[in-house]
Protein backbone atom coordinates (compact mmCIF):
# COMPACT_ATOMS: atom_id res chain seq x y z
CA MET A 1 -45.07 -32.58 -4.58
CA SER A 2 -44.11 -31.21 -7.83
CA LYS A 3 -40.26 -30.67 -8.35
CA TYR A 4 -38.44 -27.83 -10.18
CA VAL A 5 -35.40 -28.49 -12.03
CA PHE A 6 -33.22 -25.76 -13.03
CA GLU A 7 -30.64 -25.43 -15.65
CA PRO A 8 -27.60 -23.49 -14.09
CA PRO A 9 -26.76 -20.55 -16.22
CA ARG A 10 -24.36 -21.02 -18.43
CA VAL A 11 -20.94 -19.48 -18.29
CA VAL A 12 -20.48 -16.69 -21.55
CA SER A 13 -17.08 -15.78 -22.21
CA VAL A 14 -15.03 -14.47 -25.34
CA PRO A 15 -12.04 -16.04 -26.85
CA VAL A 16 -8.77 -14.35 -26.40
CA HIS A 17 -6.68 -13.61 -29.24
CA GLY A 18 -3.23 -15.76 -28.34
CA GLY A 19 -5.59 -18.32 -25.97
CA GLY A 20 -7.74 -18.26 -23.03
CA LEU A 21 -11.21 -17.16 -22.43
CA PHE A 22 -12.33 -13.91 -20.99
CA PRO A 23 -15.62 -14.54 -18.76
CA VAL A 24 -18.38 -11.88 -19.42
CA ARG A 25 -20.17 -10.23 -16.62
CA ARG A 26 -22.20 -7.70 -18.15
CA ILE A 27 -22.47 -5.71 -21.30
CA PHE A 28 -22.95 -1.84 -21.51
CA CYS A 29 -23.73 0.08 -24.49
CA ILE A 30 -23.23 3.59 -25.67
CA GLY A 31 -25.55 4.99 -28.18
CA ARG A 32 -25.43 7.91 -30.29
CA ASN A 33 -21.43 8.21 -29.83
CA TYR A 34 -20.56 9.34 -33.55
CA SER A 35 -21.70 12.35 -34.81
CA ALA A 36 -22.78 11.65 -38.48
CA HIS A 37 -24.57 8.23 -37.19
CA VAL A 38 -26.60 10.52 -34.76
CA LYS A 39 -27.47 12.74 -37.92
CA GLU A 40 -28.36 9.87 -40.30
CA MET A 41 -30.93 8.51 -37.68
CA GLY A 42 -32.45 11.99 -37.51
CA ASN A 43 -31.22 13.44 -34.38
CA ASP A 44 -28.85 16.34 -33.50
CA PRO A 45 -25.52 15.53 -32.17
CA LYS A 46 -25.30 18.87 -30.01
CA SER A 47 -28.70 18.23 -28.22
CA SER A 48 -28.66 14.27 -28.23
CA PRO A 49 -25.71 13.24 -26.05
CA PRO A 50 -24.51 9.66 -26.00
CA ILE A 51 -26.92 7.52 -24.04
CA PHE A 52 -26.21 4.21 -22.19
CA PHE A 53 -28.56 1.13 -22.62
CA GLY A 54 -27.52 -2.83 -21.99
CA LYS A 55 -27.49 -6.24 -23.34
CA PRO A 56 -27.92 -9.83 -21.48
CA ALA A 57 -24.61 -11.31 -21.40
CA ASP A 58 -25.70 -14.56 -23.02
CA ALA A 59 -26.56 -12.16 -25.97
CA ILE A 60 -22.83 -12.72 -26.73
CA THR A 61 -22.04 -14.48 -29.98
CA PRO A 62 -18.83 -15.53 -31.24
CA SER A 63 -16.87 -14.77 -34.26
CA GLY A 64 -17.52 -17.20 -37.13
CA ALA A 65 -21.21 -17.94 -36.04
CA LYS A 66 -24.24 -18.34 -37.98
CA ILE A 67 -26.83 -15.98 -36.35
CA PRO A 68 -30.57 -17.13 -36.71
CA TYR A 69 -32.55 -14.01 -38.10
CA PRO A 70 -34.39 -12.91 -34.80
CA LEU A 71 -38.02 -13.07 -33.71
CA HIS A 72 -40.32 -10.23 -34.06
CA THR A 73 -38.82 -8.08 -36.74
CA ARG A 74 -38.74 -6.76 -39.99
CA ASP A 75 -35.95 -4.71 -40.00
CA LEU A 76 -32.64 -6.01 -38.33
CA HIS A 77 -29.88 -3.35 -38.48
CA TYR A 78 -25.88 -4.08 -38.04
CA GLU A 79 -23.76 -1.68 -36.23
CA ALA A 80 -20.03 -2.28 -36.52
CA GLU A 81 -18.34 -0.90 -32.51
CA LEU A 82 -15.19 -1.10 -30.62
CA VAL A 83 -15.80 -3.47 -27.68
CA VAL A 84 -13.82 -2.73 -24.32
CA ALA A 85 -13.47 -5.46 -22.11
CA LEU A 86 -12.45 -4.76 -18.27
CA LYS A 87 -9.98 -6.07 -16.38
CA SER A 88 -10.98 -4.40 -13.07
CA GLY A 89 -13.53 -1.87 -11.67
CA GLY A 90 -14.70 0.43 -9.11
CA VAL A 91 -16.69 3.68 -9.03
CA HIS A 92 -15.70 7.45 -9.48
CA ILE A 93 -12.73 6.21 -11.94
CA LEU A 94 -11.19 9.09 -13.40
CA GLN A 95 -10.31 9.33 -17.17
CA ASP A 96 -6.34 9.64 -16.70
CA ASP A 97 -6.98 6.10 -14.72
CA ALA A 98 -9.60 4.85 -16.91
CA LEU A 99 -7.32 2.46 -19.19
CA GLY A 100 -5.61 1.15 -16.65
CA HIS A 101 -8.65 -0.99 -16.03
CA VAL A 102 -8.81 -2.27 -19.48
CA PHE A 103 -8.02 -6.04 -20.62
CA GLY A 104 -8.38 -5.60 -23.63
CA TYR A 105 -10.27 -4.70 -27.33
CA ALA A 106 -12.44 -6.26 -29.91
CA ALA A 107 -14.37 -5.72 -32.81
CA GLY A 108 -18.37 -6.02 -32.13
CA CYS A 109 -21.72 -5.78 -33.64
CA ASP A 110 -24.81 -4.24 -32.07
CA LEU A 111 -27.67 -5.66 -33.94
CA THR A 112 -30.67 -3.74 -33.37
CA ARG A 113 -34.67 -4.51 -34.40
CA ARG A 114 -34.70 -1.03 -35.93
CA ASP A 115 -38.51 -0.92 -36.38
CA LEU A 116 -39.07 -2.09 -32.68
CA GLN A 117 -36.66 0.79 -31.77
CA ARG A 118 -38.91 3.14 -33.66
CA GLU A 119 -41.55 2.30 -31.89
CA ALA A 120 -39.98 2.68 -28.51
CA LYS A 121 -38.89 6.04 -29.37
CA GLU A 122 -42.27 7.02 -30.06
CA ARG A 123 -43.70 5.99 -27.18
CA GLY A 124 -40.85 7.05 -25.39
CA ALA A 125 -40.17 3.30 -24.07
CA PRO A 126 -37.02 1.40 -23.11
CA TRP A 127 -34.96 -0.01 -25.74
CA MET A 128 -34.73 -3.75 -24.41
CA LEU A 129 -36.88 -5.32 -27.12
CA ALA A 130 -34.84 -3.65 -29.78
CA LYS A 131 -31.59 -4.56 -28.59
CA GLY A 132 -31.48 -7.19 -25.79
CA PHE A 133 -32.57 -9.77 -27.81
CA ASP A 134 -30.81 -13.56 -28.33
CA HIS A 135 -27.42 -13.35 -30.58
CA SER A 136 -27.81 -9.64 -30.41
CA ALA A 137 -23.89 -9.25 -29.36
CA PRO A 138 -21.81 -10.52 -32.06
CA ILE A 139 -17.69 -10.11 -30.80
CA GLY A 140 -14.59 -10.91 -32.41
CA ALA A 141 -11.67 -12.23 -30.17
CA ILE A 142 -10.31 -9.91 -27.56
CA ALA A 143 -7.03 -8.48 -28.40
CA ARG A 144 -4.88 -7.52 -25.01
CA ILE A 145 -3.59 -4.14 -24.67
CA GLU A 146 -0.25 -5.59 -24.09
CA ASP A 147 -0.34 -7.45 -27.55
CA PHE A 148 -1.96 -4.44 -29.43
CA THR A 149 -1.87 -1.10 -29.96
CA LEU A 150 -4.78 0.73 -30.83
CA ALA A 151 -4.37 3.92 -32.48
CA ASP A 152 -6.65 6.91 -32.38
CA ASP A 153 -7.40 7.15 -35.60
CA ALA A 154 -7.84 3.28 -36.51
CA ARG A 155 -10.15 2.61 -38.89
CA ILE A 156 -13.51 0.63 -38.01
CA THR A 157 -15.16 -1.03 -41.33
CA LEU A 158 -17.79 -3.17 -41.84
CA SER A 159 -18.41 -4.91 -44.94
CA LEU A 160 -21.82 -6.64 -46.38
CA ASN A 161 -21.23 -9.53 -48.43
CA GLY A 162 -17.98 -8.10 -49.47
CA ALA A 163 -18.91 -4.71 -50.14
CA THR A 164 -18.04 -1.70 -47.44
CA ARG A 165 -21.03 0.03 -45.54
CA GLN A 166 -19.31 1.56 -42.52
CA ASP A 167 -15.83 3.28 -42.88
CA ALA A 168 -15.08 5.57 -39.97
CA THR A 169 -12.27 6.17 -37.55
CA LEU A 170 -12.17 5.67 -33.84
CA ASN A 171 -11.35 9.53 -33.09
CA GLU A 172 -14.61 10.25 -34.67
CA MET A 173 -16.29 9.17 -31.25
CA ILE A 174 -18.13 11.71 -29.33
CA TRP A 175 -16.94 10.35 -26.01
CA SER A 176 -13.80 8.71 -25.91
CA VAL A 177 -13.06 5.41 -24.15
CA PRO A 178 -11.63 6.94 -21.08
CA GLU A 179 -14.59 9.41 -20.85
CA ILE A 180 -17.03 6.57 -21.30
CA ILE A 181 -15.51 4.63 -18.38
CA GLU A 182 -15.44 7.55 -16.36
CA SER A 183 -19.02 8.29 -17.30
CA LEU A 184 -20.24 4.78 -16.45
CA ALA A 185 -18.51 4.61 -13.19
CA GLU A 186 -20.07 7.53 -11.76
CA ARG A 187 -23.59 5.29 -12.45
CA PHE A 188 -22.47 1.70 -11.98
CA GLU A 189 -19.88 -0.11 -9.82
CA LEU A 190 -17.68 -1.48 -12.81
CA LYS A 191 -16.11 -4.94 -12.37
CA PRO A 192 -14.07 -7.37 -13.97
CA GLY A 193 -15.68 -9.20 -16.83
CA ASP A 194 -17.70 -5.97 -17.93
CA LEU A 195 -17.89 -5.19 -21.48
CA ILE A 196 -18.60 -1.80 -23.23
CA TYR A 197 -19.90 -1.41 -26.86
CA THR A 198 -19.22 2.06 -27.70
CA GLY A 199 -21.23 3.14 -30.72
CA SER A 200 -21.32 2.87 -34.40
CA PRO A 201 -20.56 5.22 -36.84
CA GLU A 202 -22.64 6.26 -39.82
CA GLY A 203 -23.63 3.68 -42.23
CA VAL A 204 -25.98 1.27 -40.48
CA GLY A 205 -28.49 -0.61 -42.68
CA PRO A 206 -30.59 -3.86 -43.12
CA LEU A 207 -29.35 -7.47 -42.84
CA GLN A 208 -31.17 -10.15 -44.53
CA ILE A 209 -30.80 -13.81 -44.34
CA GLY A 210 -27.87 -15.25 -46.25
CA ASP A 211 -25.80 -12.13 -45.48
CA LYS A 212 -22.16 -12.26 -44.75
CA VAL A 213 -20.69 -9.56 -42.49
CA GLU A 214 -16.97 -8.82 -41.45
CA ILE A 215 -16.24 -5.71 -39.02
CA THR A 216 -12.35 -4.98 -38.88
CA ILE A 217 -10.68 -2.29 -36.14
CA GLY A 218 -7.24 -1.60 -36.98
CA ASP A 219 -5.02 -4.80 -36.89
CA MET A 220 -7.54 -6.53 -34.37
CA PRO A 221 -8.84 -9.90 -35.09
CA ALA A 222 -11.78 -9.42 -37.22
CA LEU A 223 -15.56 -10.35 -36.53
CA THR A 224 -17.44 -12.07 -39.03
CA PHE A 225 -20.84 -13.92 -39.09
CA THR A 226 -23.73 -15.12 -41.21
CA MET A 227 -27.40 -14.44 -41.10
CA THR A 228 -29.38 -17.53 -41.25
CA GLU A 229 -33.21 -18.81 -40.83
CA LEU A 230 -34.43 -19.33 -37.72
CA GLN A 231 -34.90 -23.29 -36.94
């Protein structure tokens, strides 16, 4: 009789600023959450409200990593994002209570195979191939909410090889963090370990092998990574 040996799924975790690890359960993502970015992608913010999609937990890649250029694309894009880490959850969470479920925040990047996303949009197909591939969710160290004050007007920036490509403030988001949490909790039972990538401002663009990326949000730990050839 044939015997099958399965490796247990690895526990995915993110470093916490000051020490410790944050175990990741799920990754929720918000698309079209900055008006200027909606416009640069050819959509109308008034008729194209923010949308939800997901990434697998093992798409997480820590800061400082060398990320291999992904398979089956010739148009990989960066998207700088604020990431929310939840310490608790539930259903029907109200906006006034939402921040009480937050463990901390981090700088993140939603890597996107833009050519596959365009194909999916044309066919009305899901975005899984465009968004949910290996290493597609780089993230910096998580800053605990008790250690950092995240101002509404905190700047979110992305530099590519030292040149600024994205520069906005968090108050430009269409949906705020409490609104996102409330909306997600109407559709899912949120739980400890969930991460929420909250959308990207305008200025998204392509990545090439050898590119160095740095994302900063306020005074939180920066996210850095370098694109390398697929081995």
